[in-house]
Amino acid sequence: MAGNVIYTKAVVPTYSDPLAGIDLSNYGDDSAAGKDEVSSVKPSAPKITSITPGTSDIDMNIPRSSMSRENTFCLIVANEKYANQDTPNVKYAAQDGKTFEEYCLRTLGLPRENIRFAVNAKYLEMKEMLKWFGEVADVYGKDANFIVYYAGHGVPDEKGNCKLIPADVSINDVNNGYSLKEIYTSLGKLPLNSALVLIDACFSGNDRQNVAALDETHRGIAPVVKQEAVTGNVVVLTAASGTETALAYEEQAHGLFSYFIMKKLQDTKGEVSYGELYDYVRKNVMRKSIVAKGKKQTPCVTVSPKMLNTWKNIKF
């Protein structure tokens, strides 16, 4: 199990009367149908009602903590709008990041100077943010706890290696993405107490509306997505498994994965272990995705070998 995943523009047709020319004289008359014929009813598509970003129940009544986690540091990257026209926006990502920052400040008790928050971060900006973590770790050592939160596009390269897409990179320019392997390796080498990585992105090549984001040339370039191994004191929670799509939750104006992360922080006032958080998020995302969205989304967790027996009990 070491280092592996733990699984517990539209064309509008000209209107015409769909019933024109159809004889309805026997409608509802069972005798007109053959006895051996069986009618089937196809389920209708789920009705989606969007709300204004910032008005979700998790955006309201954010619990305030009396504690101050002065040794916990957080990087938040929320990439919603991309510079390249061939790259669709990631619906609600900016709101995800903004609300998560508020939970870090109010509920988890992080000092504001302990948080680096970037909306629509470029490649070099993302690199600099991770470099800051290294500088902090050099000073705090084993006293430091890190949180990394990312909402935005992800995509696999031709070998199945997962990349995060900075705001100045095209989703079709896979090789210039920010490698998850590089991020995990950097975190794994740091002398820290623990690092929790939360990734609300998928590696299916689709956006949050489950619409293909890659062009025809790149679509389907990696039928198998690698699950990058982690080392050191690192725990990773990702929004979806394999080539599943990380969906939007329009009814709450957030990413589905991000919503339930923050809902659990709200309900527990931040007093929650990594194991409890993962179990809650996995169960609720799976249920909501299949019932409300008609698509399967399965969050997964990856831990380093040295933390297999301890990660579930770690708290923020």
C-alpha atoms as a PDB file:
ATOM      1  CA  MET A   1       0.000   0.000   0.000  1.00  0.00           C
ATOM      2  CA  ALA A   2       3.017   2.266   0.436  1.00  0.00           C
ATOM      3  CA  GLY A   3       2.583   5.461  -1.488  1.00  0.00           C
ATOM      4  CA  ASN A   4      -0.560   4.202  -3.175  1.00  0.00           C
ATOM      5  CA  VAL A   5      -4.107   5.422  -3.253  1.00  0.00           C
ATOM      6  CA  ILE A   6      -6.377   4.225  -0.509  1.00  0.00           C
ATOM      7  CA  TYR A   7      -9.914   3.826  -1.824  1.00  0.00           C
ATOM      8  CA  THR A   8     -12.361   3.107   1.221  1.00  0.00           C
ATOM      9  CA  LYS A   9     -21.655  26.510 -28.871  1.00  0.00           C
ATOM     10  CA  ALA A  10     -25.168  24.734 -29.109  1.00  0.00           C
ATOM     11  CA  VAL A  11     -27.472  24.672 -32.200  1.00  0.00           C
ATOM     12  CA  VAL A  12     -31.135  25.433 -31.475  1.00  0.00           C
ATOM     13  CA  PRO A  13     -33.450  23.639 -33.940  1.00  0.00           C
ATOM     14  CA  THR A  14     -36.480  25.349 -35.470  1.00  0.00           C
ATOM     15  CA  TYR A  15     -39.517  24.525 -33.378  1.00  0.00           C
ATOM     16  CA  SER A  16     -42.066  22.103 -34.729  1.00  0.00           C
ATOM     17  CA  ASP A  17     -44.941  20.374 -32.990  1.00  0.00           C
ATOM     18  CA  PRO A  18     -43.593  16.979 -31.912  1.00  0.00           C
ATOM     19  CA  LEU A  19     -47.141  15.557 -31.868  1.00  0.00           C
ATOM     20  CA  ALA A  20     -48.141  16.709 -35.374  1.00  0.00           C
ATOM     21  CA  GLY A  21     -49.563  13.869 -37.451  1.00  0.00           C
ATOM     22  CA  ILE A  22     -49.734  11.416 -34.543  1.00  0.00           C
ATOM     23  CA  ASP A  23     -53.003   9.637 -33.825  1.00  0.00           C
ATOM     24  CA  LEU A  24     -53.785  10.064 -30.139  1.00  0.00           C
ATOM     25  CA  SER A  25     -57.197   8.422 -30.259  1.00  0.00           C
ATOM     26  CA  ASN A  26     -55.965   5.358 -28.394  1.00  0.00           C
ATOM     27  CA  TYR A  27     -53.716   7.197 -25.957  1.00  0.00           C
ATOM     28  CA  GLY A  28     -54.006   5.539 -22.579  1.00  0.00           C
ATOM     29  CA  ASP A  29     -55.908   2.558 -23.975  1.00  0.00           C
ATOM     30  CA  ASP A  30     -54.029  -0.559 -22.859  1.00  0.00           C
ATOM     31  CA  SER A  31     -55.919  -2.693 -25.331  1.00  0.00           C
ATOM     32  CA  ALA A  32     -54.204  -0.924 -28.220  1.00  0.00           C
ATOM     33  CA  ALA A  33     -50.821  -2.205 -27.136  1.00  0.00           C
ATOM     34  CA  GLY A  34     -49.511  -5.724 -27.492  1.00  0.00           C
ATOM     35  CA  LYS A  35     -49.566  -7.737 -24.313  1.00  0.00           C
ATOM     36  CA  ASP A  36     -45.869  -8.571 -24.571  1.00  0.00           C
ATOM     37  CA  GLU A  37     -44.722  -4.991 -25.064  1.00  0.00           C
ATOM     38  CA  VAL A  38     -43.031  -3.343 -22.087  1.00  0.00           C
ATOM     39  CA  SER A  39     -42.812   0.418 -21.833  1.00  0.00           C
ATOM     40  CA  SER A  40     -39.777   2.027 -20.246  1.00  0.00           C
ATOM     41  CA  VAL A  41     -39.372   5.434 -18.667  1.00  0.00           C
ATOM     42  CA  LYS A  42     -36.040   7.175 -18.981  1.00  0.00           C
ATOM     43  CA  PRO A  43     -35.025   9.322 -16.019  1.00  0.00           C
ATOM     44  CA  SER A  44     -34.971  13.030 -16.741  1.00  0.00           C
ATOM     45  CA  ALA A  45     -31.777  15.008 -16.336  1.00  0.00           C
ATOM     46  CA  PRO A  46     -31.308  16.450 -12.837  1.00  0.00           C
ATOM     47  CA  LYS A  47     -32.627  19.991 -12.518  1.00  0.00           C
ATOM     48  CA  ILE A  48     -29.838  22.361 -11.520  1.00  0.00           C
ATOM     49  CA  THR A  49     -30.486  25.635  -9.742  1.00  0.00           C
ATOM     50  CA  SER A  50     -27.490  27.931  -9.486  1.00  0.00           C
ATOM     51  CA  ILE A  51     -27.004  30.558  -6.808  1.00  0.00           C
ATOM     52  CA  THR A  52     -24.845  33.674  -6.644  1.00  0.00           C
ATOM     53  CA  PRO A  53     -21.256  32.929  -5.546  1.00  0.00           C
ATOM     54  CA  GLY A  54     -20.721  33.937  -1.945  1.00  0.00           C
ATOM     55  CA  THR A  55     -24.238  33.043  -0.805  1.00  0.00           C
ATOM     56  CA  SER A  56     -23.767  29.339  -0.097  1.00  0.00           C
ATOM     57  CA  ASP A  57     -24.461  28.015   3.376  1.00  0.00           C
ATOM     58  CA  ILE A  58     -20.715  27.475   3.869  1.00  0.00           C
ATOM     59  CA  ASP A  59     -20.055  31.137   3.012  1.00  0.00           C
ATOM     60  CA  MET A  60     -22.276  32.135   5.931  1.00  0.00           C
ATOM     61  CA  ASN A  61     -21.753  31.627   9.652  1.00  0.00           C
ATOM     62  CA  ILE A  62     -18.110  30.591   9.386  1.00  0.00           C
ATOM     63  CA  PRO A  63     -17.127  29.445  12.893  1.00  0.00           C
ATOM     64  CA  ARG A  64     -14.528  31.466  14.787  1.00  0.00           C
ATOM     65  CA  SER A  65     -11.827  29.665  16.710  1.00  0.00           C
ATOM     66  CA  SER A  66     -10.329  30.859  19.958  1.00  0.00           C
ATOM     67  CA  MET A  67      -7.085  29.088  19.072  1.00  0.00           C
ATOM     68  CA  SER A  68      -4.169  30.510  17.122  1.00  0.00           C
ATOM     69  CA  ARG A  69      -2.283  28.024  14.998  1.00  0.00           C
ATOM     70  CA  GLU A  70       0.838  30.110  14.654  1.00  0.00           C
ATOM     71  CA  ASN A  71       2.898  27.215  13.299  1.00  0.00           C
ATOM     72  CA  THR A  72       0.484  26.297  10.502  1.00  0.00           C
ATOM     73  CA  PHE A  73       1.061  27.784   7.066  1.00  0.00           C
ATOM     74  CA  CYS A  74      -1.150  27.654   3.997  1.00  0.00           C
ATOM     75  CA  LEU A  75      -0.835  28.098   0.233  1.00  0.00           C
ATOM     76  CA  ILE A  76      -4.086  28.710  -1.681  1.00  0.00           C
ATOM     77  CA  VAL A  77      -4.202  28.763  -5.484  1.00  0.00           C
ATOM     78  CA  ALA A  78      -7.574  29.350  -7.148  1.00  0.00           C
ATOM     79  CA  ASN A  79      -7.267  29.328 -10.932  1.00  0.00           C
ATOM     80  CA  GLU A  80     -10.641  30.221 -12.436  1.00  0.00           C
ATOM     81  CA  LYS A  81      -9.843  32.397 -15.460  1.00  0.00           C
ATOM     82  CA  TYR A  82      -7.190  31.365 -17.965  1.00  0.00           C
ATOM     83  CA  ALA A  83      -5.315  33.665 -20.350  1.00  0.00           C
ATOM     84  CA  ASN A  84      -5.561  31.288 -23.313  1.00  0.00           C
ATOM     85  CA  GLN A  85      -8.876  31.285 -25.164  1.00  0.00           C
ATOM     86  CA  ASP A  86      -8.661  27.535 -25.744  1.00  0.00           C
ATOM     87  CA  THR A  87      -8.791  26.944 -21.986  1.00  0.00           C
ATOM     88  CA  PRO A  88     -12.265  27.157 -20.398  1.00  0.00           C
ATOM     89  CA  ASN A  89     -12.735  28.829 -17.045  1.00  0.00           C
ATOM     90  CA  VAL A  90     -13.078  26.729 -13.915  1.00  0.00           C
ATOM     91  CA  LYS A  91     -16.458  27.670 -12.529  1.00  0.00           C
ATOM     92  CA  TYR A  92     -16.460  28.873  -8.888  1.00  0.00           C
ATOM     93  CA  ALA A  93     -12.717  28.260  -8.326  1.00  0.00           C
ATOM     94  CA  ALA A  94     -12.079  31.823  -7.148  1.00  0.00           C
ATOM     95  CA  GLN A  95     -14.959  31.577  -4.668  1.00  0.00           C
ATOM     96  CA  ASP A  96     -13.603  28.236  -3.472  1.00  0.00           C
ATOM     97  CA  GLY A  97     -10.255  29.818  -2.670  1.00  0.00           C
ATOM     98  CA  LYS A  98     -11.749  32.902  -1.054  1.00  0.00           C
ATOM     99  CA  THR A  99     -13.999  30.916   1.249  1.00  0.00           C
ATOM    100  CA  PHE A 100     -11.260  28.428   2.123  1.00  0.00           C
ATOM    101  CA  GLU A 101      -9.043  31.339   3.156  1.00  0.00           C
ATOM    102  CA  GLU A 102     -11.787  32.533   5.517  1.00  0.00           C
ATOM    103  CA  TYR A 103     -11.955  29.093   7.127  1.00  0.00           C
ATOM    104  CA  CYS A 104      -8.192  29.131   7.594  1.00  0.00           C
ATOM    105  CA  LEU A 105      -8.368  32.543   9.246  1.00  0.00           C
ATOM    106  CA  ARG A 106     -11.509  32.213  11.350  1.00  0.00           C
ATOM    107  CA  THR A 107     -12.020  28.508  11.995  1.00  0.00           C
ATOM    108  CA  LEU A 108      -8.503  27.087  11.949  1.00  0.00           C
ATOM    109  CA  GLY A 109      -6.944  30.153  13.564  1.00  0.00           C
ATOM    110  CA  LEU A 110      -4.090  30.804  11.145  1.00  0.00           C
ATOM    111  CA  PRO A 111      -2.544  34.280  11.341  1.00  0.00           C
ATOM    112  CA  ARG A 112      -3.072  36.205   8.108  1.00  0.00           C
ATOM    113  CA  GLU A 113       0.665  36.442   7.492  1.00  0.00           C
ATOM    114  CA  ASN A 114       0.807  32.628   7.466  1.00  0.00           C
ATOM    115  CA  ILE A 115      -1.335  32.460   4.301  1.00  0.00           C
ATOM    116  CA  ARG A 116      -0.354  33.003   0.677  1.00  0.00           C
ATOM    117  CA  PHE A 117      -3.460  33.296  -1.546  1.00  0.00           C
ATOM    118  CA  ALA A 118      -3.323  33.715  -5.332  1.00  0.00           C
ATOM    119  CA  VAL A 119      -6.222  33.904  -7.790  1.00  0.00           C
ATOM    120  CA  ASN A 120      -5.380  32.990 -11.386  1.00  0.00           C
ATOM    121  CA  ALA A 121      -1.766  32.287 -10.469  1.00  0.00           C
ATOM    122  CA  LYS A 122       0.820  32.087 -13.222  1.00  0.00           C
ATOM    123  CA  TYR A 123       3.428  29.337 -13.435  1.00  0.00           C
ATOM    124  CA  LEU A 124       6.281  31.303 -11.850  1.00  0.00           C
ATOM    125  CA  GLU A 125       3.963  32.585  -9.119  1.00  0.00           C
ATOM    126  CA  MET A 126       2.999  29.046  -8.171  1.00  0.00           C
ATOM    127  CA  LYS A 127       6.683  28.072  -8.081  1.00  0.00           C
ATOM    128  CA  GLU A 128       7.501  31.027  -5.825  1.00  0.00           C
ATOM    129  CA  MET A 129       4.718  30.118  -3.414  1.00  0.00           C
ATOM    130  CA  LEU A 130       6.099  26.619  -2.964  1.00  0.00           C
ATOM    131  CA  LYS A 131       9.594  28.074  -2.554  1.00  0.00           C
ATOM    132  CA  TRP A 132       8.236  30.120   0.371  1.00  0.00           C
ATOM    133  CA  PHE A 133       7.187  26.883   2.055  1.00  0.00           C
ATOM    134  CA  GLY A 134      10.792  25.706   1.858  1.00  0.00           C
ATOM    135  CA  GLU A 135      12.026  28.875   3.510  1.00  0.00           C
ATOM    136  CA  VAL A 136       9.469  28.525   6.301  1.00  0.00           C
ATOM    137  CA  ALA A 137      10.399  24.886   6.865  1.00  0.00           C
ATOM    138  CA  ASP A 138      14.071  25.790   7.177  1.00  0.00           C
ATOM    139  CA  VAL A 139      13.192  28.049  10.108  1.00  0.00           C
ATOM    140  CA  TYR A 140      10.360  26.134  11.819  1.00  0.00           C
ATOM    141  CA  GLY A 141      11.415  22.555  11.108  1.00  0.00           C
ATOM    142  CA  LYS A 142       9.311  19.920  12.851  1.00  0.00           C
ATOM    143  CA  ASP A 143       7.160  22.612  14.448  1.00  0.00           C
ATOM    144  CA  ALA A 144       5.623  23.502  11.068  1.00  0.00           C
ATOM    145  CA  ASN A 145       2.375  22.204   9.615  1.00  0.00           C
ATOM    146  CA  PHE A 146       1.520  22.993   6.004  1.00  0.00           C
ATOM    147  CA  ILE A 147      -1.742  23.121   4.051  1.00  0.00           C
ATOM    148  CA  VAL A 148      -1.809  23.329   0.254  1.00  0.00           C
ATOM    149  CA  TYR A 149      -5.149  24.038  -1.451  1.00  0.00           C
ATOM    150  CA  TYR A 150      -5.622  24.107  -5.229  1.00  0.00           C
ATOM    151  CA  ALA A 151      -8.724  24.664  -7.342  1.00  0.00           C
ATOM    152  CA  GLY A 152      -8.330  24.803 -11.108  1.00  0.00           C
ATOM    153  CA  HIS A 153      -7.506  22.700 -14.122  1.00  0.00           C
ATOM    154  CA  GLY A 154      -5.479  19.524 -14.036  1.00  0.00           C
ATOM    155  CA  VAL A 155      -4.486  17.353 -16.979  1.00  0.00           C
ATOM    156  CA  PRO A 156      -2.353  14.269 -17.616  1.00  0.00           C
ATOM    157  CA  ASP A 157       0.485  14.239 -20.126  1.00  0.00           C
ATOM    158  CA  GLU A 158       0.957  11.517 -22.739  1.00  0.00           C
ATOM    159  CA  LYS A 159       2.513   9.221 -20.124  1.00  0.00           C
ATOM    160  CA  GLY A 160      -0.253   9.753 -17.582  1.00  0.00           C
ATOM    161  CA  ASN A 161       1.769  12.096 -15.354  1.00  0.00           C
ATOM    162  CA  CYS A 162      -0.524  14.621 -13.668  1.00  0.00           C
ATOM    163  CA  LYS A 163      -0.027  18.363 -14.147  1.00  0.00           C
ATOM    164  CA  LEU A 164      -1.724  21.384 -12.592  1.00  0.00           C
ATOM    165  CA  ILE A 165      -2.406  24.140 -15.135  1.00  0.00           C
ATOM    166  CA  PRO A 166      -1.282  27.683 -14.197  1.00  0.00           C
ATOM    167  CA  ALA A 167      -3.413  30.579 -15.424  1.00  0.00           C
ATOM    168  CA  ASP A 168      -0.889  31.566 -18.104  1.00  0.00           C
ATOM    169  CA  VAL A 169      -0.619  28.063 -19.586  1.00  0.00           C
ATOM    170  CA  SER A 170      -2.953  26.479 -22.119  1.00  0.00           C
ATOM    171  CA  ILE A 171      -4.633  23.290 -21.032  1.00  0.00           C
ATOM    172  CA  ASN A 172      -3.480  21.873 -24.379  1.00  0.00           C
ATOM    173  CA  ASP A 173       0.147  22.757 -23.614  1.00  0.00           C
ATOM    174  CA  VAL A 174       0.447  19.869 -21.193  1.00  0.00           C
ATOM    175  CA  ASN A 175       4.228  19.833 -20.892  1.00  0.00           C
ATOM    176  CA  ASN A 176       4.265  23.341 -19.407  1.00  0.00           C
ATOM    177  CA  GLY A 177       1.953  22.421 -16.552  1.00  0.00           C
ATOM    178  CA  TYR A 178       3.152  22.225 -12.947  1.00  0.00           C
ATOM    179  CA  SER A 179       3.985  18.600 -12.224  1.00  0.00           C
ATOM    180  CA  LEU A 180       2.314  17.045  -9.188  1.00  0.00           C
ATOM    181  CA  LYS A 181       5.347  14.796  -8.858  1.00  0.00           C
ATOM    182  CA  GLU A 182       7.561  17.865  -8.486  1.00  0.00           C
ATOM    183  CA  ILE A 183       5.234  19.362  -5.880  1.00  0.00           C
ATOM    184  CA  TYR A 184       5.012  16.154  -3.846  1.00  0.00           C
ATOM    185  CA  THR A 185       8.769  15.591  -4.018  1.00  0.00           C
ATOM    186  CA  SER A 186       9.474  19.122  -2.795  1.00  0.00           C
ATOM    187  CA  LEU A 187       7.063  18.781   0.125  1.00  0.00           C
ATOM    188  CA  GLY A 188       8.368  15.332   1.007  1.00  0.00           C
ATOM    189  CA  LYS A 189      11.912  16.637   1.444  1.00  0.00           C
ATOM    190  CA  LEU A 190      10.952  19.402   3.861  1.00  0.00           C
ATOM    191  CA  PRO A 191      11.716  18.968   7.595  1.00  0.00           C
ATOM    192  CA  LEU A 192       8.142  19.538   8.766  1.00  0.00           C
ATOM    193  CA  ASN A 193       5.598  17.972  11.085  1.00  0.00           C
ATOM    194  CA  SER A 194       2.868  17.399   8.486  1.00  0.00           C
ATOM    195  CA  ALA A 195       1.552  18.631   5.134  1.00  0.00           C
ATOM    196  CA  LEU A 196      -2.029  18.279   3.907  1.00  0.00           C
ATOM    197  CA  VAL A 197      -2.600  18.782   0.169  1.00  0.00           C
ATOM    198  CA  LEU A 198      -6.177  19.393  -1.062  1.00  0.00           C
ATOM    199  CA  ILE A 199      -6.660  19.295  -4.838  1.00  0.00           C
ATOM    200  CA  ASP A 200     -10.024  20.222  -6.335  1.00  0.00           C
ATOM    201  CA  ALA A 201      -9.033  19.313  -9.865  1.00  0.00           C
ATOM    202  CA  CYS A 202      -9.342  16.249 -12.021  1.00  0.00           C
ATOM    203  CA  PHE A 203      -7.186  14.724 -14.714  1.00  0.00           C
ATOM    204  CA  SER A 204      -9.897  13.692 -17.142  1.00  0.00           C
ATOM    205  CA  GLY A 205      -9.393  16.536 -19.610  1.00  0.00           C
ATOM    206  CA  ASN A 206     -12.887  17.854 -18.764  1.00  0.00           C
ATOM    207  CA  ASP A 207     -14.002  21.019 -17.035  1.00  0.00           C
ATOM    208  CA  ARG A 208     -16.336  21.208 -14.010  1.00  0.00           C
ATOM    209  CA  GLN A 209     -19.385  20.958 -16.255  1.00  0.00           C
ATOM    210  CA  ASN A 210     -18.022  17.634 -17.557  1.00  0.00           C
ATOM    211  CA  VAL A 211     -17.368  19.222 -20.977  1.00  0.00           C
ATOM    212  CA  ALA A 212     -14.190  18.255 -22.821  1.00  0.00           C
ATOM    213  CA  ALA A 213     -11.586  20.979 -22.213  1.00  0.00           C
ATOM    214  CA  LEU A 214      -8.803  19.505 -24.332  1.00  0.00           C
ATOM    215  CA  ASP A 215      -8.744  19.953 -28.098  1.00  0.00           C
ATOM    216  CA  GLU A 216      -9.174  17.044 -30.508  1.00  0.00           C
ATOM    217  CA  THR A 217      -5.405  16.495 -30.734  1.00  0.00           C
ATOM    218  CA  HIS A 218      -4.922  16.049 -27.005  1.00  0.00           C
ATOM    219  CA  ARG A 219      -8.222  14.441 -26.063  1.00  0.00           C
ATOM    220  CA  GLY A 220      -7.691  10.997 -24.643  1.00  0.00           C
ATOM    221  CA  ILE A 221      -3.887  11.194 -24.649  1.00  0.00           C
ATOM    222  CA  ALA A 222      -3.649   9.329 -21.360  1.00  0.00           C
ATOM    223  CA  PRO A 223      -6.216   6.542 -20.949  1.00  0.00           C
ATOM    224  CA  VAL A 224      -4.518   5.635 -17.667  1.00  0.00           C
ATOM    225  CA  VAL A 225      -3.679   8.344 -15.130  1.00  0.00           C
ATOM    226  CA  LYS A 226      -0.800   7.726 -12.745  1.00  0.00           C
ATOM    227  CA  GLN A 227      -1.382   8.295  -9.064  1.00  0.00           C
ATOM    228  CA  GLU A 228       1.785  10.050  -7.993  1.00  0.00           C
ATOM    229  CA  ALA A 229       3.451   8.655  -4.892  1.00  0.00           C
ATOM    230  CA  VAL A 230       4.227  10.887  -1.925  1.00  0.00           C
ATOM    231  CA  THR A 231       7.030  10.782   0.629  1.00  0.00           C
ATOM    232  CA  GLY A 232       7.801  12.409   3.958  1.00  0.00           C
ATOM    233  CA  ASN A 233       5.005  13.606   6.211  1.00  0.00           C
ATOM    234  CA  VAL A 234       2.552  14.308   3.403  1.00  0.00           C
ATOM    235  CA  VAL A 235      -1.152  13.465   2.992  1.00  0.00           C
ATOM    236  CA  VAL A 236      -2.983  14.234  -0.267  1.00  0.00           C
ATOM    237  CA  LEU A 237      -6.751  14.411  -0.761  1.00  0.00           C
ATOM    238  CA  THR A 238      -7.866  14.729  -4.376  1.00  0.00           C
ATOM    239  CA  ALA A 239     -11.341  15.456  -5.717  1.00  0.00           C
ATOM    240  CA  ALA A 240     -11.697  12.496  -8.075  1.00  0.00           C
ATOM    241  CA  SER A 241     -10.174   9.162  -8.982  1.00  0.00           C
ATOM    242  CA  GLY A 242      -8.526   8.231 -12.276  1.00  0.00           C
ATOM    243  CA  THR A 243     -10.205   9.925 -15.221  1.00  0.00           C
ATOM    244  CA  GLU A 244     -13.356  10.967 -13.345  1.00  0.00           C
ATOM    245  CA  THR A 245     -14.424  14.616 -13.509  1.00  0.00           C
ATOM    246  CA  ALA A 246     -14.224  16.973 -10.534  1.00  0.00           C
ATOM    247  CA  LEU A 247     -17.684  18.493 -10.765  1.00  0.00           C
ATOM    248  CA  ALA A 248     -19.181  21.869  -9.917  1.00  0.00           C
ATOM    249  CA  TYR A 249     -21.916  22.103  -7.292  1.00  0.00           C
ATOM    250  CA  GLU A 250     -24.080  24.811  -8.845  1.00  0.00           C
ATOM    251  CA  GLU A 251     -26.652  24.684  -6.051  1.00  0.00           C
ATOM    252  CA  GLN A 252     -23.946  25.939  -3.658  1.00  0.00           C
ATOM    253  CA  ALA A 253     -21.725  27.855  -6.157  1.00  0.00           C
ATOM    254  CA  HIS A 254     -18.619  25.860  -5.267  1.00  0.00           C
ATOM    255  CA  GLY A 255     -16.688  22.876  -6.476  1.00  0.00           C
ATOM    256  CA  LEU A 256     -18.349  19.724  -5.168  1.00  0.00           C
ATOM    257  CA  PHE A 257     -15.192  18.514  -3.404  1.00  0.00           C
ATOM    258  CA  SER A 258     -14.392  21.956  -1.975  1.00  0.00           C
ATOM    259  CA  TYR A 259     -17.933  22.394  -0.683  1.00  0.00           C
ATOM    260  CA  PHE A 260     -17.833  19.280   1.461  1.00  0.00           C
ATOM    261  CA  ILE A 261     -14.301  20.036   2.701  1.00  0.00           C
ATOM    262  CA  MET A 262     -15.531  23.342   4.067  1.00  0.00           C
ATOM    263  CA  LYS A 263     -18.884  21.958   5.209  1.00  0.00           C
ATOM    264  CA  LYS A 264     -17.041  19.563   7.497  1.00  0.00           C
ATOM    265  CA  LEU A 265     -14.872  22.387   8.851  1.00  0.00           C
ATOM    266  CA  GLN A 266     -18.039  24.378   9.486  1.00  0.00           C
ATOM    267  CA  ASP A 267     -19.863  21.544  11.245  1.00  0.00           C
ATOM    268  CA  THR A 268     -16.887  20.601  13.443  1.00  0.00           C
ATOM    269  CA  LYS A 269     -15.596  24.139  14.006  1.00  0.00           C
ATOM    270  CA  GLY A 270     -12.254  22.886  12.706  1.00  0.00           C
ATOM    271  CA  GLU A 271     -11.900  20.121  15.275  1.00  0.00           C
ATOM    272  CA  VAL A 272     -11.539  17.275  12.803  1.00  0.00           C
ATOM    273  CA  SER A 273      -8.875  14.733  11.949  1.00  0.00           C
ATOM    274  CA  TYR A 274      -7.656  14.003   8.433  1.00  0.00           C
ATOM    275  CA  GLY A 275      -9.291  10.602   8.578  1.00  0.00           C
ATOM    276  CA  GLU A 276     -12.667  11.994   9.632  1.00  0.00           C
ATOM    277  CA  LEU A 277     -12.453  14.675   6.961  1.00  0.00           C
ATOM    278  CA  TYR A 278     -11.663  12.169   4.213  1.00  0.00           C
ATOM    279  CA  ASP A 279     -14.415   9.738   5.207  1.00  0.00           C
ATOM    280  CA  TYR A 280     -17.009  12.527   5.288  1.00  0.00           C
ATOM    281  CA  VAL A 281     -15.952  14.114   2.001  1.00  0.00           C
ATOM    282  CA  ARG A 282     -15.687  10.815   0.143  1.00  0.00           C
ATOM    283  CA  LYS A 283     -19.119   9.610   1.238  1.00  0.00           C
ATOM    284  CA  ASN A 284     -20.930  12.869   0.518  1.00  0.00           C
ATOM    285  CA  VAL A 285     -19.223  13.646  -2.796  1.00  0.00           C
ATOM    286  CA  MET A 286     -19.942  10.140  -4.094  1.00  0.00           C
ATOM    287  CA  ARG A 287     -23.608  10.345  -3.088  1.00  0.00           C
ATOM    288  CA  LYS A 288     -24.229  13.874  -4.380  1.00  0.00           C
ATOM    289  CA  SER A 289     -22.399  13.322  -7.672  1.00  0.00           C
ATOM    290  CA  ILE A 290     -24.283  10.181  -8.631  1.00  0.00           C
ATOM    291  CA  VAL A 291     -27.745  11.333  -7.521  1.00  0.00           C
ATOM    292  CA  ALA A 292     -27.715  15.046  -8.379  1.00  0.00           C
ATOM    293  CA  LYS A 293     -25.251  15.018 -11.256  1.00  0.00           C
ATOM    294  CA  GLY A 294     -25.617  11.562 -12.722  1.00  0.00           C
ATOM    295  CA  LYS A 295     -21.835  11.156 -12.745  1.00  0.00           C
ATOM    296  CA  LYS A 296     -19.555   9.234 -10.435  1.00  0.00           C
ATOM    297  CA  GLN A 297     -16.928  11.246  -8.553  1.00  0.00           C
ATOM    298  CA  THR A 298     -14.794   9.425  -6.015  1.00  0.00           C
ATOM    299  CA  PRO A 299     -12.356  11.426  -3.870  1.00  0.00           C
ATOM    300  CA  CYS A 300      -9.177   9.568  -2.968  1.00  0.00           C
ATOM    301  CA  VAL A 301      -6.347   9.880  -0.482  1.00  0.00           C
ATOM    302  CA  THR A 302      -2.641   9.223  -0.974  1.00  0.00           C
ATOM    303  CA  VAL A 303      -0.220   9.024   1.925  1.00  0.00           C
ATOM    304  CA  SER A 304       3.484   8.471   2.295  1.00  0.00           C
ATOM    305  CA  PRO A 305       4.656   5.053   3.532  1.00  0.00           C
ATOM    306  CA  LYS A 306       5.801   6.434   6.882  1.00  0.00           C
ATOM    307  CA  MET A 307       2.319   7.797   7.658  1.00  0.00           C
ATOM    308  CA  LEU A 308       0.161   4.813   6.762  1.00  0.00           C
ATOM    309  CA  ASN A 309      -0.608   4.073  10.408  1.00  0.00           C
ATOM    310  CA  THR A 310      -0.841   7.648  11.694  1.00  0.00           C
ATOM    311  CA  TRP A 311      -2.393   9.959   9.091  1.00  0.00           C
ATOM    312  CA  LYS A 312      -6.011   9.388  10.082  1.00  0.00           C
ATOM    313  CA  ASN A 313      -5.474  10.808  13.571  1.00  0.00           C
ATOM    314  CA  ILE A 314      -3.676  13.998  12.535  1.00  0.00           C
ATOM    315  CA  LYS A 315      -5.650  17.207  13.070  1.00  0.00           C
ATOM    316  CA  PHE A 316      -5.307  20.619  11.487  1.00  0.00           C
END
